PDB file of N, CA and C in Angstrom:
ATOM      1  N   MET A   1      18.249 -51.109  17.669  1.00  0.00           N
ATOM      2  CA  MET A   1      17.771 -49.851  18.373  1.00  0.00           C
ATOM      3  C   MET A   1      19.013 -49.063  18.578  1.00  0.00           C
ATOM      4  N   ALA A   2      20.041 -48.979  17.820  1.00  0.00           N
ATOM      5  CA  ALA A   2      21.643 -48.520  18.179  1.00  0.00           C
ATOM      6  C   ALA A   2      21.442 -47.110  17.862  1.00  0.00           C
ATOM      7  N   GLU A   3      20.628 -46.787  17.094  1.00  0.00           N
ATOM      8  CA  GLU A   3      20.058 -45.507  16.521  1.00  0.00           C
ATOM      9  C   GLU A   3      19.825 -44.562  18.003  1.00  0.00           C
ATOM     10  N   VAL A   4      18.814 -45.065  18.606  1.00  0.00           N
ATOM     11  CA  VAL A   4      18.114 -44.119  19.511  1.00  0.00           C
ATOM     12  C   VAL A   4      19.535 -43.814  20.866  1.00  0.00           C
ATOM     13  N   GLY A   5      20.318 -44.831  21.030  1.00  0.00           N
ATOM     14  CA  GLY A   5      21.448 -44.921  21.986  1.00  0.00           C
ATOM     15  C   GLY A   5      22.471 -43.835  21.597  1.00  0.00           C
ATOM     16  N   VAL A   6      22.782 -43.642  20.083  1.00  0.00           N
ATOM     17  CA  VAL A   6      23.682 -42.591  19.465  1.00  0.00           C
ATOM     18  C   VAL A   6      22.863 -41.430  19.565  1.00  0.00           C
ATOM     19  N   ARG A   7      21.604 -41.225  19.618  1.00  0.00           N
ATOM     20  CA  ARG A   7      20.818 -40.085  19.598  1.00  0.00           C
ATOM     21  C   ARG A   7      21.028 -39.455  21.103  1.00  0.00           C
ATOM     22  N   VAL A   8      20.699 -40.366  21.985  1.00  0.00           N
ATOM     23  CA  VAL A   8      20.632 -39.851  23.437  1.00  0.00           C
ATOM     24  C   VAL A   8      22.028 -39.767  23.772  1.00  0.00           C
ATOM     25  N   ALA A   9      23.230 -40.314  23.576  1.00  0.00           N
ATOM     26  CA  ALA A   9      24.665 -39.970  23.807  1.00  0.00           C
ATOM     27  C   ALA A   9      24.893 -38.480  23.360  1.00  0.00           C
ATOM     28  N   PHE A  10      24.354 -38.054  21.741  1.00  0.00           N
ATOM     29  CA  PHE A  10      24.509 -37.003  21.329  1.00  0.00           C
ATOM     30  C   PHE A  10      23.790 -35.906  22.295  1.00  0.00           C
ATOM     31  N   VAL A  11      22.548 -36.030  22.810  1.00  0.00           N
ATOM     32  CA  VAL A  11      21.783 -35.054  23.531  1.00  0.00           C
ATOM     33  C   VAL A  11      22.485 -34.938  24.756  1.00  0.00           C
ATOM     34  N   GLU A  12      23.050 -36.015  25.316  1.00  0.00           N
ATOM     35  CA  GLU A  12      23.555 -35.713  26.814  1.00  0.00           C
ATOM     36  C   GLU A  12      24.829 -35.068  26.461  1.00  0.00           C
ATOM     37  N   ASP A  13      25.789 -35.214  25.356  1.00  0.00           N
ATOM     38  CA  ASP A  13      26.974 -34.435  25.279  1.00  0.00           C
ATOM     39  C   ASP A  13      26.888 -33.093  24.886  1.00  0.00           C
ATOM     40  N   LEU A  14      25.473 -32.864  24.312  1.00  0.00           N
ATOM     41  CA  LEU A  14      25.110 -31.397  24.052  1.00  0.00           C
ATOM     42  C   LEU A  14      24.729 -30.609  25.201  1.00  0.00           C
ATOM     43  N   ALA A  15      24.089 -31.172  26.157  1.00  0.00           N
ATOM     44  CA  ALA A  15      23.862 -30.625  27.378  1.00  0.00           C
ATOM     45  C   ALA A  15      25.007 -30.482  28.317  1.00  0.00           C
ATOM     46  N   VAL A  16      25.773 -31.029  27.867  1.00  0.00           N
ATOM     47  CA  VAL A  16      27.421 -31.000  29.031  1.00  0.00           C
ATOM     48  C   VAL A  16      27.796 -29.925  28.409  1.00  0.00           C
ATOM     49  N   GLU A  17      27.859 -29.806  27.121  1.00  0.00           N
ATOM     50  CA  GLU A  17      28.637 -28.545  26.433  1.00  0.00           C
ATOM     51  C   GLU A  17      27.879 -27.151  26.668  1.00  0.00           C
ATOM     52  N   LEU A  18      26.175 -27.430  26.953  1.00  0.00           N
ATOM     53  CA  LEU A  18      25.591 -26.026  27.258  1.00  0.00           C
ATOM     54  C   LEU A  18      25.794 -25.580  28.523  1.00  0.00           C
ATOM     55  N   GLU A  19      26.318 -26.903  29.554  1.00  0.00           N
ATOM     56  CA  GLU A  19      26.509 -26.511  31.043  1.00  0.00           C
ATOM     57  C   GLU A  19      27.793 -25.781  31.153  1.00  0.00           C
ATOM     58  N   ARG A  20      28.670 -26.095  30.318  1.00  0.00           N
ATOM     59  CA  ARG A  20      30.073 -25.625  30.268  1.00  0.00           C
ATOM     60  C   ARG A  20      29.861 -24.200  29.647  1.00  0.00           C
ATOM     61  N   ALA A  21      29.281 -24.075  28.297  1.00  0.00           N
ATOM     62  CA  ALA A  21      29.269 -22.621  28.208  1.00  0.00           C
ATOM     63  C   ALA A  21      28.687 -21.619  28.806  1.00  0.00           C
ATOM     64  N   PRO A  22      29.359 -20.304  28.616  1.00  0.00           N
ATOM     65  CA  PRO A  22      28.644 -19.282  29.357  1.00  0.00           C
ATOM     66  C   PRO A  22      27.402 -19.050  28.971  1.00  0.00           C
ATOM     67  N   ARG A  23      26.154 -18.570  30.001  1.00  0.00           N
ATOM     68  CA  ARG A  23      25.075 -18.311  29.747  1.00  0.00           C
ATOM     69  C   ARG A  23      25.018 -17.076  28.951  1.00  0.00           C
ATOM     70  N   VAL A  24      24.465 -16.980  27.794  1.00  0.00           N
ATOM     71  CA  VAL A  24      24.166 -15.661  27.088  1.00  0.00           C
ATOM     72  C   VAL A  24      22.883 -15.209  27.063  1.00  0.00           C
ATOM     73  N   GLY A  25      22.404 -14.015  27.670  1.00  0.00           N
ATOM     74  CA  GLY A  25      20.859 -13.750  28.103  1.00  0.00           C
ATOM     75  C   GLY A  25      20.770 -13.764  29.258  1.00  0.00           C
ATOM     76  N   GLU A  26      21.426 -14.342  30.270  1.00  0.00           N
ATOM     77  CA  GLU A  26      21.416 -14.256  31.498  1.00  0.00           C
ATOM     78  C   GLU A  26      21.930 -13.036  32.402  1.00  0.00           C
ATOM     79  N   ALA A  27      22.764 -13.035  33.604  1.00  0.00           N
ATOM     80  CA  ALA A  27      23.078 -12.380  34.123  1.00  0.00           C
ATOM     81  C   ALA A  27      24.583 -11.775  33.386  1.00  0.00           C
ATOM     82  N   GLY A  28      24.842 -10.578  33.530  1.00  0.00           N
ATOM     83  CA  GLY A  28      26.128 -10.227  32.634  1.00  0.00           C
ATOM     84  C   GLY A  28      25.718 -10.009  31.279  1.00  0.00           C
ATOM     85  N   SER A  29      24.684  -9.813  30.807  1.00  0.00           N
ATOM     86  CA  SER A  29      24.251  -9.520  29.284  1.00  0.00           C
ATOM     87  C   SER A  29      24.424  -8.063  28.878  1.00  0.00           C
ATOM     88  N   PRO A  30      25.151  -7.763  27.893  1.00  0.00           N
ATOM     89  CA  PRO A  30      25.207  -6.452  27.788  1.00  0.00           C
ATOM     90  C   PRO A  30      23.834  -5.744  27.244  1.00  0.00           C
TER      91      PRO A  30
END
């Protein structure tokens, strides 16, 4: 089940990137 581990790692990394990225559509939206 290595595939599942890779997917989980990818999702977690993606979540970290989203946390770092500025929120578009929240406060400060043009």
